[in-house]
Amino acid sequence: MTTDAEILDCRGLKCPLPVLKMEKRLGQLSPGASIVVLATDPMAKVDIPLYCRQNGHDCETGGEDGLLRFSIVKAR
């Protein structure tokens, strides 16, 4: 994933808000664009990759100490 990706900070938000904010921002980006979503809600670990898989976006998941990091590339 690219290192110059935009950061979408969803820390402190409960699902489904991180997914909804991510969906809205992805809708504004060009295909192939990258974003990094930061979240703290444990449900985001399930919801964000599922949304990406269902919509054809690439998603890499990582994080530590309660901070989840999702590197996403919008589908072409």
C-alpha atoms as a PDB file:
ATOM      1  CA  MET A   1       0.000   0.000   0.000  1.00  0.00           C
ATOM      2  CA  THR A   2       1.112   3.541  -0.633  1.00  0.00           C
ATOM      3  CA  THR A   3       2.587   5.653   2.158  1.00  0.00           C
ATOM      4  CA  ASP A   4       1.032   8.932   0.998  1.00  0.00           C
ATOM      5  CA  ALA A   5      -2.524   7.791   1.727  1.00  0.00           C
ATOM      6  CA  GLU A   6      -5.027  10.123   3.343  1.00  0.00           C
ATOM      7  CA  ILE A   7      -5.794   9.379   7.011  1.00  0.00           C
ATOM      8  CA  LEU A   8      -9.444   9.021   8.046  1.00  0.00           C
ATOM      9  CA  ASP A   9      -9.517   9.219  11.842  1.00  0.00           C
ATOM     10  CA  CYS A  10     -12.482   7.278  13.256  1.00  0.00           C
ATOM     11  CA  ARG A  11     -11.004   6.689  16.706  1.00  0.00           C
ATOM     12  CA  GLY A  12     -13.633   6.748  19.438  1.00  0.00           C
ATOM     13  CA  LEU A  13     -16.526   6.143  17.030  1.00  0.00           C
ATOM     14  CA  LYS A  14     -18.727   3.076  17.426  1.00  0.00           C
ATOM     15  CA  CYS A  15     -19.751   0.949  14.459  1.00  0.00           C
ATOM     16  CA  PRO A  16     -21.313   1.501  12.064  1.00  0.00           C
ATOM     17  CA  LEU A  17     -19.897   5.061  12.018  1.00  0.00           C
ATOM     18  CA  PRO A  18     -16.348   4.123  10.913  1.00  0.00           C
ATOM     19  CA  VAL A  19     -17.744   2.131   7.977  1.00  0.00           C
ATOM     20  CA  LEU A  20     -20.188   4.898   7.038  1.00  0.00           C
ATOM     21  CA  LYS A  21     -17.483   7.584   7.123  1.00  0.00           C
ATOM     22  CA  MET A  22     -15.157   5.352   5.100  1.00  0.00           C
ATOM     23  CA  GLU A  23     -17.896   4.642   2.545  1.00  0.00           C
ATOM     24  CA  LYS A  24     -18.646   8.349   2.142  1.00  0.00           C
ATOM     25  CA  ARG A  25     -14.970   9.248   1.678  1.00  0.00           C
ATOM     26  CA  LEU A  26     -14.339   6.383  -0.762  1.00  0.00           C
ATOM     27  CA  GLY A  27     -17.255   7.667  -2.839  1.00  0.00           C
ATOM     28  CA  GLN A  28     -15.394  10.963  -3.268  1.00  0.00           C
ATOM     29  CA  LEU A  29     -12.099   9.375  -4.357  1.00  0.00           C
ATOM     30  CA  SER A  30     -10.918   8.219  -7.762  1.00  0.00           C
ATOM     31  CA  PRO A  31     -10.450   4.503  -8.417  1.00  0.00           C
ATOM     32  CA  GLY A  32      -7.032   3.377  -7.228  1.00  0.00           C
ATOM     33  CA  ALA A  33      -6.821   6.071  -4.536  1.00  0.00           C
ATOM     34  CA  SER A  34      -5.680   5.041  -1.060  1.00  0.00           C
ATOM     35  CA  ILE A  35      -6.888   5.892   2.421  1.00  0.00           C
ATOM     36  CA  VAL A  36      -5.931   4.715   5.887  1.00  0.00           C
ATOM     37  CA  VAL A  37      -8.767   4.348   8.388  1.00  0.00           C
ATOM     38  CA  LEU A  38      -7.912   4.483  12.086  1.00  0.00           C
ATOM     39  CA  ALA A  39     -10.486   3.003  14.471  1.00  0.00           C
ATOM     40  CA  THR A  40     -10.763   1.804  18.053  1.00  0.00           C
ATOM     41  CA  ASP A  41     -14.105  -0.039  18.006  1.00  0.00           C
ATOM     42  CA  PRO A  42     -13.351  -3.806  17.932  1.00  0.00           C
ATOM     43  CA  MET A  43     -16.287  -4.372  15.544  1.00  0.00           C
ATOM     44  CA  ALA A  44     -14.430  -2.356  12.897  1.00  0.00           C
ATOM     45  CA  LYS A  45     -12.043  -5.331  12.605  1.00  0.00           C
ATOM     46  CA  VAL A  46     -14.970  -7.268  11.117  1.00  0.00           C
ATOM     47  CA  ASP A  47     -17.058  -4.547   9.474  1.00  0.00           C
ATOM     48  CA  ILE A  48     -14.426  -2.650   7.473  1.00  0.00           C
ATOM     49  CA  PRO A  49     -12.770  -5.679   5.788  1.00  0.00           C
ATOM     50  CA  LEU A  50     -16.230  -7.134   5.062  1.00  0.00           C
ATOM     51  CA  TYR A  51     -17.383  -3.898   3.420  1.00  0.00           C
ATOM     52  CA  CYS A  52     -14.181  -3.746   1.358  1.00  0.00           C
ATOM     53  CA  ARG A  53     -14.471  -7.385   0.268  1.00  0.00           C
ATOM     54  CA  GLN A  54     -18.109  -6.895  -0.766  1.00  0.00           C
ATOM     55  CA  ASN A  55     -17.230  -3.818  -2.820  1.00  0.00           C
ATOM     56  CA  GLY A  56     -13.967  -4.982  -4.393  1.00  0.00           C
ATOM     57  CA  HIS A  57     -11.621  -2.669  -2.466  1.00  0.00           C
ATOM     58  CA  ASP A  58      -8.214  -3.919  -1.317  1.00  0.00           C
ATOM     59  CA  CYS A  59      -7.867  -3.826   2.471  1.00  0.00           C
ATOM     60  CA  GLU A  60      -4.889  -4.584   4.691  1.00  0.00           C
ATOM     61  CA  THR A  61      -5.507  -4.696   8.441  1.00  0.00           C
ATOM     62  CA  GLY A  62      -3.056  -3.980  11.207  1.00  0.00           C
ATOM     63  CA  GLY A  63      -2.725  -2.162  14.479  1.00  0.00           C
ATOM     64  CA  GLU A  64      -1.668  -2.520  18.077  1.00  0.00           C
ATOM     65  CA  ASP A  65      -2.659  -1.485  21.599  1.00  0.00           C
ATOM     66  CA  GLY A  66      -6.344  -1.108  20.704  1.00  0.00           C
ATOM     67  CA  LEU A  67      -5.746   1.037  17.614  1.00  0.00           C
ATOM     68  CA  LEU A  68      -6.881  -0.613  14.395  1.00  0.00           C
ATOM     69  CA  ARG A  69      -5.393   0.511  11.079  1.00  0.00           C
ATOM     70  CA  PHE A  70      -6.965  -0.314   7.728  1.00  0.00           C
ATOM     71  CA  SER A  71      -5.049   0.504   4.528  1.00  0.00           C
ATOM     72  CA  ILE A  72      -7.578   0.614   1.705  1.00  0.00           C
ATOM     73  CA  VAL A  73      -7.243   1.032  -2.050  1.00  0.00           C
ATOM     74  CA  LYS A  74     -10.451   1.929  -3.851  1.00  0.00           C
ATOM     75  CA  ALA A  75     -11.533  -0.585  -6.502  1.00  0.00           C
ATOM     76  CA  ARG A  76     -10.779   0.339 -10.107  1.00  0.00           C
END
